[in-house]
Protein backbone atom coordinates (compact mmCIF):
# COMPACT_ATOMS: atom_id res chain seq x y z
CA MET A 1 101.34 201.18 188.79
CA LEU A 2 103.81 200.93 191.62
CA GLY A 3 105.08 197.33 192.52
CA ALA A 4 106.44 196.30 195.85
CA MET A 5 110.04 197.09 194.94
CA ASP A 6 108.77 200.71 193.86
CA VAL A 7 107.29 201.14 197.35
CA ASN A 8 110.61 200.09 199.07
CA ARG A 9 112.72 202.28 196.77
CA LEU A 10 110.39 205.37 196.80
CA TRP A 11 108.89 205.38 200.46
CA LEU A 12 112.05 204.29 202.17
CA GLY A 13 114.06 206.91 200.32
CA LEU A 14 111.53 209.64 201.35
CA PHE A 15 111.72 208.35 204.94
CA THR A 16 115.39 208.80 205.00
CA VAL A 17 114.99 212.41 203.70
CA PHE A 18 112.43 212.71 206.56
CA LEU A 19 114.93 211.74 209.23
CA ARG A 20 117.50 214.15 207.74
CA HIS A 21 115.15 217.03 207.77
CA GLN A 22 114.10 216.46 211.32
CA GLN A 23 117.72 216.58 212.38
CA VAL A 24 117.35 213.29 214.20
CA THR A 25 120.90 212.99 215.84
CA ARG A 26 122.87 209.88 214.95
CA GLY A 27 123.39 207.67 217.84
CA SER A 28 120.31 208.91 219.59
CA THR A 29 117.47 206.54 220.83
CA VAL A 30 114.48 206.06 218.40
CA TYR A 31 111.32 204.08 219.20
CA VAL A 32 109.78 201.83 216.55
CA ALA A 33 106.36 200.15 217.07
CA ILE A 34 105.12 197.17 215.18
CA ASP A 35 101.48 196.49 214.89
CA ARG A 36 98.63 195.05 212.68
CA THR A 37 95.37 196.21 211.50
CA SER A 38 92.61 194.65 209.63
CA TRP A 39 89.19 195.15 208.08
CA GLY A 40 87.26 193.08 205.64
CA GLN A 41 89.78 191.04 203.63
CA ILE A 42 92.64 193.52 204.31
CA ASN A 43 95.32 192.39 206.81
CA LEU A 44 98.16 195.01 207.07
CA LEU A 45 101.25 194.64 209.16
CA MET A 46 103.14 197.97 209.71
CA VAL A 47 106.20 199.28 211.27
CA SER A 48 106.20 202.82 212.37
CA LEU A 49 108.65 205.33 213.96
CA ILE A 50 107.47 207.15 216.96
CA TRP A 51 108.19 210.68 216.59
CA ARG A 52 106.83 213.61 218.72
CA ASN A 53 104.26 211.36 220.01
CA ARG A 54 103.04 210.38 216.49
CA ALA A 55 103.70 207.38 214.49
CA ILE A 56 105.22 208.01 211.10
CA PRO A 57 104.74 204.91 208.81
CA LEU A 58 108.06 203.24 208.08
CA TYR A 59 107.52 200.05 206.32
CA TRP A 60 104.30 197.82 205.68
CA GLN A 61 103.31 194.66 204.15
CA ARG A 62 99.80 193.30 203.28
CA LEU A 63 99.45 189.67 204.64
CA LYS A 64 98.15 187.00 202.38
CA ASN A 65 96.25 185.34 205.31
CA LEU A 66 93.75 186.72 207.83
CA GLY A 67 94.60 186.75 211.50
CA ASN A 68 97.99 187.13 213.40
CA SER A 69 101.25 187.42 211.72
CA ASN A 70 104.00 184.73 212.09
CA LEU A 71 107.62 185.14 213.31
CA ARG A 72 109.00 184.88 209.90
CA THR A 73 106.81 187.76 208.54
CA GLN A 74 107.60 189.96 211.59
CA ARG A 75 111.29 189.42 211.15
CA LYS A 76 111.12 190.32 207.49
CA VAL A 77 109.48 193.63 207.96
CA LEU A 78 111.55 194.57 210.93
CA ARG A 79 114.82 193.77 208.93
CA VAL A 80 113.67 196.29 206.40
CA ALA A 81 112.83 198.90 208.79
CA LEU A 82 115.86 198.51 210.98
CA SER A 83 118.05 198.80 207.82
CA ARG A 84 116.96 202.46 207.91
CA LEU A 85 117.93 202.97 211.29
CA SER A 86 121.30 201.51 211.49
CA ASP A 87 122.56 204.84 212.74
CA TYR A 88 120.37 204.96 215.88
CA LYS A 89 119.76 202.88 219.03
CA VAL A 90 116.47 201.26 218.28
CA VAL A 91 113.84 200.28 220.66
CA VAL A 92 111.15 197.90 219.16
CA LEU A 93 107.67 198.12 220.74
CA GLY A 94 105.01 195.57 220.32
CA ASP A 95 101.72 194.19 222.00
CA ARG A 96 100.84 190.57 222.75
CA GLU A 97 100.78 189.39 219.00
CA PHE A 98 104.49 189.99 219.19
CA CYS A 99 105.24 188.43 222.57
CA SER A 100 107.41 185.53 221.11
CA VAL A 101 110.64 185.04 222.94
CA ASP A 102 112.18 183.95 219.53
CA LEU A 103 111.45 187.47 218.22
CA ALA A 104 112.90 189.05 221.46
CA CYS A 105 116.10 186.83 221.15
CA TRP A 106 116.36 187.85 217.35
CA LEU A 107 115.89 191.67 218.29
CA GLY A 108 118.75 191.16 220.94
CA GLU A 109 121.01 189.69 218.12
CA GLN A 110 120.27 192.97 216.06
CA GLN A 111 121.50 195.09 218.98
CA CYS A 112 118.00 196.37 219.55
CA TYR A 113 116.27 197.15 222.75
CA PHE A 114 112.71 195.70 223.10
CA CYS A 115 109.56 196.02 225.17
CA LEU A 116 107.14 193.23 224.19
CA ARG A 117 103.76 192.89 226.06
CA GLN A 118 103.34 189.36 227.36
CA LYS A 119 100.26 187.19 227.84
CA LYS A 120 99.37 186.66 231.61
CA SER A 121 99.77 182.89 230.91
CA THR A 122 103.48 183.43 230.29
CA HIS A 123 105.71 181.48 232.96
CA ILE A 124 108.87 182.99 234.49
CA GLN A 125 111.55 181.63 236.85
CA SER A 126 113.79 183.58 239.14
CA ASN A 127 116.84 182.13 240.85
CA ASN A 128 115.98 178.55 240.17
CA ASP A 129 112.65 178.85 242.08
CA ASP A 130 109.47 177.28 240.79
CA TRP A 131 107.98 178.71 237.65
CA ILE A 132 104.96 180.84 238.02
CA ALA A 133 102.57 182.43 235.75
CA LEU A 134 102.42 186.12 235.28
CA SER A 135 98.80 186.00 236.38
CA GLU A 136 99.74 184.43 239.72
CA LEU A 137 101.70 187.91 240.62
CA GLU A 138 98.15 189.03 241.61
CA LEU A 139 98.76 192.76 240.81
CA THR A 140 96.10 195.20 241.59
CA PRO A 141 95.60 198.78 240.26
CA GLY A 142 98.23 201.08 241.31
CA MET A 143 100.76 198.21 241.79
CA SER A 144 103.87 197.40 239.73
CA CYS A 145 106.67 194.96 239.88
CA PHE A 146 110.24 194.47 238.18
CA PHE A 147 111.92 191.17 237.81
CA ASN A 148 115.69 191.42 236.88
CA GLN A 149 117.84 188.71 235.20
CA ILE A 150 114.95 185.85 235.07
CA THR A 151 114.01 183.09 232.62
CA VAL A 152 110.97 183.30 230.60
CA THR A 153 108.85 180.42 229.35
CA GLU A 154 109.36 176.84 230.44
CA SER A 155 109.52 175.52 226.87
CA LYS A 156 112.37 177.57 225.63
CA GLY A 157 113.96 178.96 228.81
CA PHE A 158 114.86 182.47 227.32
CA GLY A 159 117.02 184.60 229.41
CA PRO A 160 118.38 186.22 231.37
CA VAL A 161 116.07 188.98 230.64
CA GLN A 162 113.77 191.49 232.64
CA VAL A 163 109.97 191.57 233.05
CA ALA A 164 108.25 194.64 234.12
CA GLY A 165 104.73 194.56 235.44
CA LYS A 166 102.23 197.54 235.99
CA TRP A 167 98.57 198.06 236.52
CA LYS A 168 97.77 201.60 236.20
CA ARG A 169 96.00 203.04 239.25
CA ARG A 170 92.35 204.03 238.99
CA TYR A 171 91.96 207.67 237.77
CA GLN A 172 88.54 209.58 237.83
CA GLY A 173 86.71 206.22 238.40
CA PHE A 174 88.50 204.29 235.68
CA ALA A 175 91.01 201.65 235.61
CA PRO A 176 92.50 199.52 232.86
CA ASP A 177 90.98 195.96 232.74
CA GLU A 178 94.28 194.19 233.24
CA PRO A 179 98.02 194.94 234.03
CA TRP A 180 100.94 195.18 231.53
CA TYR A 181 103.39 192.56 231.63
CA ILE A 182 106.50 193.79 229.60
CA LEU A 183 109.36 191.52 228.34
CA THR A 184 112.27 193.81 227.98
CA ASN A 185 116.18 194.11 227.98
CA PHE A 186 115.93 197.49 229.64
CA ASP A 187 117.25 197.49 233.20
CA SER A 188 114.58 199.66 235.05
CA LEU A 189 110.87 199.61 235.52
CA ASP A 190 110.51 203.21 234.41
CA ALA A 191 112.42 202.64 231.18
CA ALA A 192 110.31 199.65 230.32
CA ILE A 193 106.88 201.27 231.19
CA SER A 194 107.63 204.51 229.63
CA GLY A 195 108.98 203.08 226.47
CA TYR A 196 105.95 200.58 226.13
CA GLN A 197 103.54 203.60 226.36
CA LYS A 198 104.78 205.03 223.24
CA ARG A 199 103.40 202.07 221.42
CA PHE A 200 99.93 203.46 221.47
CA SER A 201 100.86 206.14 218.98
CA ILE A 202 100.47 203.55 216.20
CA GLU A 203 96.99 202.76 217.26
CA GLU A 204 96.19 206.60 216.79
CA LEU A 205 97.80 206.15 213.28
CA PHE A 206 95.64 203.41 212.23
CA ARG A 207 92.55 205.39 213.44
CA ASP A 208 93.82 208.37 211.38
CA LEU A 209 94.33 206.30 208.32
CA LYS A 210 90.95 204.42 208.47
CA LEU A 211 88.64 206.92 210.05
CA GLY A 212 90.06 210.11 211.20
CA GLY A 213 91.50 211.41 208.09
CA TYR A 214 91.77 209.40 204.80
CA CYS A 215 88.90 206.74 205.11
CA LEU A 216 91.22 203.92 204.02
CA GLU A 217 88.55 201.35 205.13
CA LYS A 218 86.03 202.57 202.56
CA THR A 219 88.29 202.13 199.42
CA ARG A 220 87.68 198.94 197.53
CA VAL A 221 90.97 198.81 195.65
CA GLU A 222 93.11 195.53 195.71
CA GLY A 223 96.46 194.18 194.83
CA ARG A 224 99.07 196.62 193.71
CA ARG A 225 96.47 199.47 193.69
CA PHE A 226 95.97 199.14 197.38
CA MET A 227 99.57 199.22 198.20
CA THR A 228 99.96 202.31 196.12
CA MET A 229 96.98 203.72 197.99
CA VAL A 230 98.75 203.17 201.20
CA LEU A 231 101.97 204.77 199.95
CA LEU A 232 100.14 207.84 198.77
CA ILE A 233 98.38 208.20 202.22
CA ALA A 234 101.62 207.43 204.12
CA ILE A 235 103.10 210.52 202.23
CA ALA A 236 100.10 212.71 202.84
CA TYR A 237 100.00 211.75 206.45
CA THR A 238 103.62 212.55 207.15
CA CYS A 239 103.33 215.81 205.44
CA ALA A 240 100.23 216.78 207.31
CA THR A 241 101.88 215.66 210.72
CA THR A 242 105.11 217.63 210.05
CA GLN A 243 103.33 220.76 208.94
CA GLY A 244 100.97 220.42 212.07
CA GLN A 245 103.92 220.19 214.28
CA ARG A 246 105.33 223.61 212.84
CA LEU A 247 101.84 225.36 212.98
CA LYS A 248 101.79 224.37 216.76
CA GLN A 249 105.21 225.61 217.51
CA LYS A 250 104.13 229.04 215.83
CA ALA A 251 100.94 228.89 218.03
CA LEU A 252 98.77 229.06 214.81
CA GLN A 253 96.39 226.10 215.66
CA LYS A 254 93.72 228.33 217.31
CA TYR A 255 93.15 229.99 213.94
CA ILE A 256 92.92 226.55 211.94
CA ALA A 257 91.15 224.01 214.34
CA ARG A 258 88.78 224.39 217.10
CA PRO A 259 90.06 226.01 220.11
CA GLU A 260 91.37 223.68 222.95
CA THR A 261 89.03 223.40 225.94
CA GLN A 262 90.80 224.42 229.35
CA GLY A 263 90.98 221.91 231.97
CA LEU A 264 91.34 218.86 229.60
CA ASN A 265 94.29 216.62 230.49
CA GLN A 266 94.80 215.71 226.81
CA LYS A 267 94.97 218.00 223.74
CA ARG A 268 91.84 218.01 221.58
CA HIS A 269 93.77 218.16 218.26
CA SER A 270 96.71 216.25 217.11
CA ALA A 271 99.45 217.62 214.97
CA PHE A 272 98.06 215.60 212.18
CA HIS A 273 94.68 217.01 212.52
CA VAL A 274 95.97 220.58 212.61
CA GLY A 275 98.15 219.92 209.49
CA LEU A 276 95.25 218.23 207.72
CA THR A 277 92.72 221.04 208.54
CA ALA A 278 95.30 223.80 207.36
CA TYR A 279 95.39 222.32 203.98
CA ARG A 280 91.54 222.50 203.81
CA TRP A 281 91.48 225.94 205.50
CA VAL A 282 93.61 227.91 203.21
CA PRO A 283 91.80 227.07 199.90
CA PHE A 284 88.53 228.00 201.81
CA TRP A 285 89.95 231.56 202.43
CA HIS A 286 90.55 232.16 198.75
CA ARG A 287 87.03 231.19 198.06
CA CYS A 288 85.34 233.36 200.58
CA HIS A 289 87.56 236.53 201.17
CA LYS A 290 85.27 238.69 199.34
CA GLN A 291 82.28 237.82 201.31
CA VAL A 292 84.61 238.24 204.62
CA GLN A 293 85.40 241.77 203.45
CA ALA A 294 81.98 242.75 202.77
CA LEU A 295 81.03 241.77 206.25
CA MET A 296 83.93 243.68 207.65
CA ARG A 297 82.53 246.72 206.07
CA LEU A 298 79.24 246.23 207.86
CA ASP A 299 80.89 246.05 211.38
CA ARG A 300 84.23 247.79 211.54
CA ASN A 301 84.51 246.89 215.19
CA LYS A 302 85.74 243.43 214.20
CA ILE A 303 88.53 244.68 212.13
CA GLU A 304 91.27 244.07 214.57
CA TYR A 305 90.46 240.43 214.82
CA HIS A 306 90.26 240.32 211.03
CA LEU A 307 93.82 241.73 210.67
CA ARG A 308 94.99 239.26 213.19
CA GLY A 309 93.55 236.61 211.12
CA LEU A 310 94.99 237.95 207.95
CA ARG A 311 98.49 237.80 209.71
CA ALA A 312 97.86 234.23 210.71
CA ILE A 313 96.89 233.40 207.08
CA GLU A 314 100.19 234.63 205.85
CA ALA A 315 102.19 232.76 208.59
CA VAL A 316 100.24 229.51 207.80
CA LEU A 317 101.14 230.07 204.06
CA ASP A 318 104.79 230.38 204.81
CA THR A 319 104.65 227.35 206.81
CA LEU A 320 102.84 224.98 204.22
């Protein structure tokens, strides 16, 4: 059974190959999200690379305790992840669990950019004015603000740094419950907000791992077997996502997954869903092609669509 060192050696090596195959240019900016997910007695801290609107697992650690991770553990997993991205400009994204100014200071020392969401109780000071809590800014839906070269937290006085605030406007009758307050070393509101928005890809990753594709929550393995299971799922997930991207580029997803609905602002199917469905779709064809051919003999009017589908199958097989 694979141990912790084997996971490091095997998966991190595979991740390096992934970067090489995707031709990620050295010196380019890459976004990395850190987040934690838990269910039952499982508490998993993960760092992922944001790649084409999807999160690719980079490094993970199962925490011994339940609840939030501490600064020491956050640094540990990020240090391993950043070691694989030394050739790139890295932007680290985190939600309010990772709001520590100590973490932000450490990331700055690692020559990283960061966008870390803050609690509304966080205090800031600008130009030696009085300290105010972020909640006192009184943002409303549709409003935004940007504070440049300020100090954050009375107790530690971290700065100079920037804070971006934004409360998304109401859309189709819906508005977020509260604004975002982002601690960042970016120098503009747009860069901070657009960067932080990429963080939600890791939440989609967790949903795919636990419910949308692999049902990780239903497994009852423990210890090293659990870490091995996560490793295998990470490999399968990355393969499905990359294959789905290729299939989408060739416009083959309509043959594999349910067609998209016109008028929707968001695509129905992610690259992961398309890639995963393709692996199921191809074996199904081999099992039922005789029945399909028999049906075609009954109704020759559909032969054009049938031949089009056969060409699509060949193209899918070339991609997988």
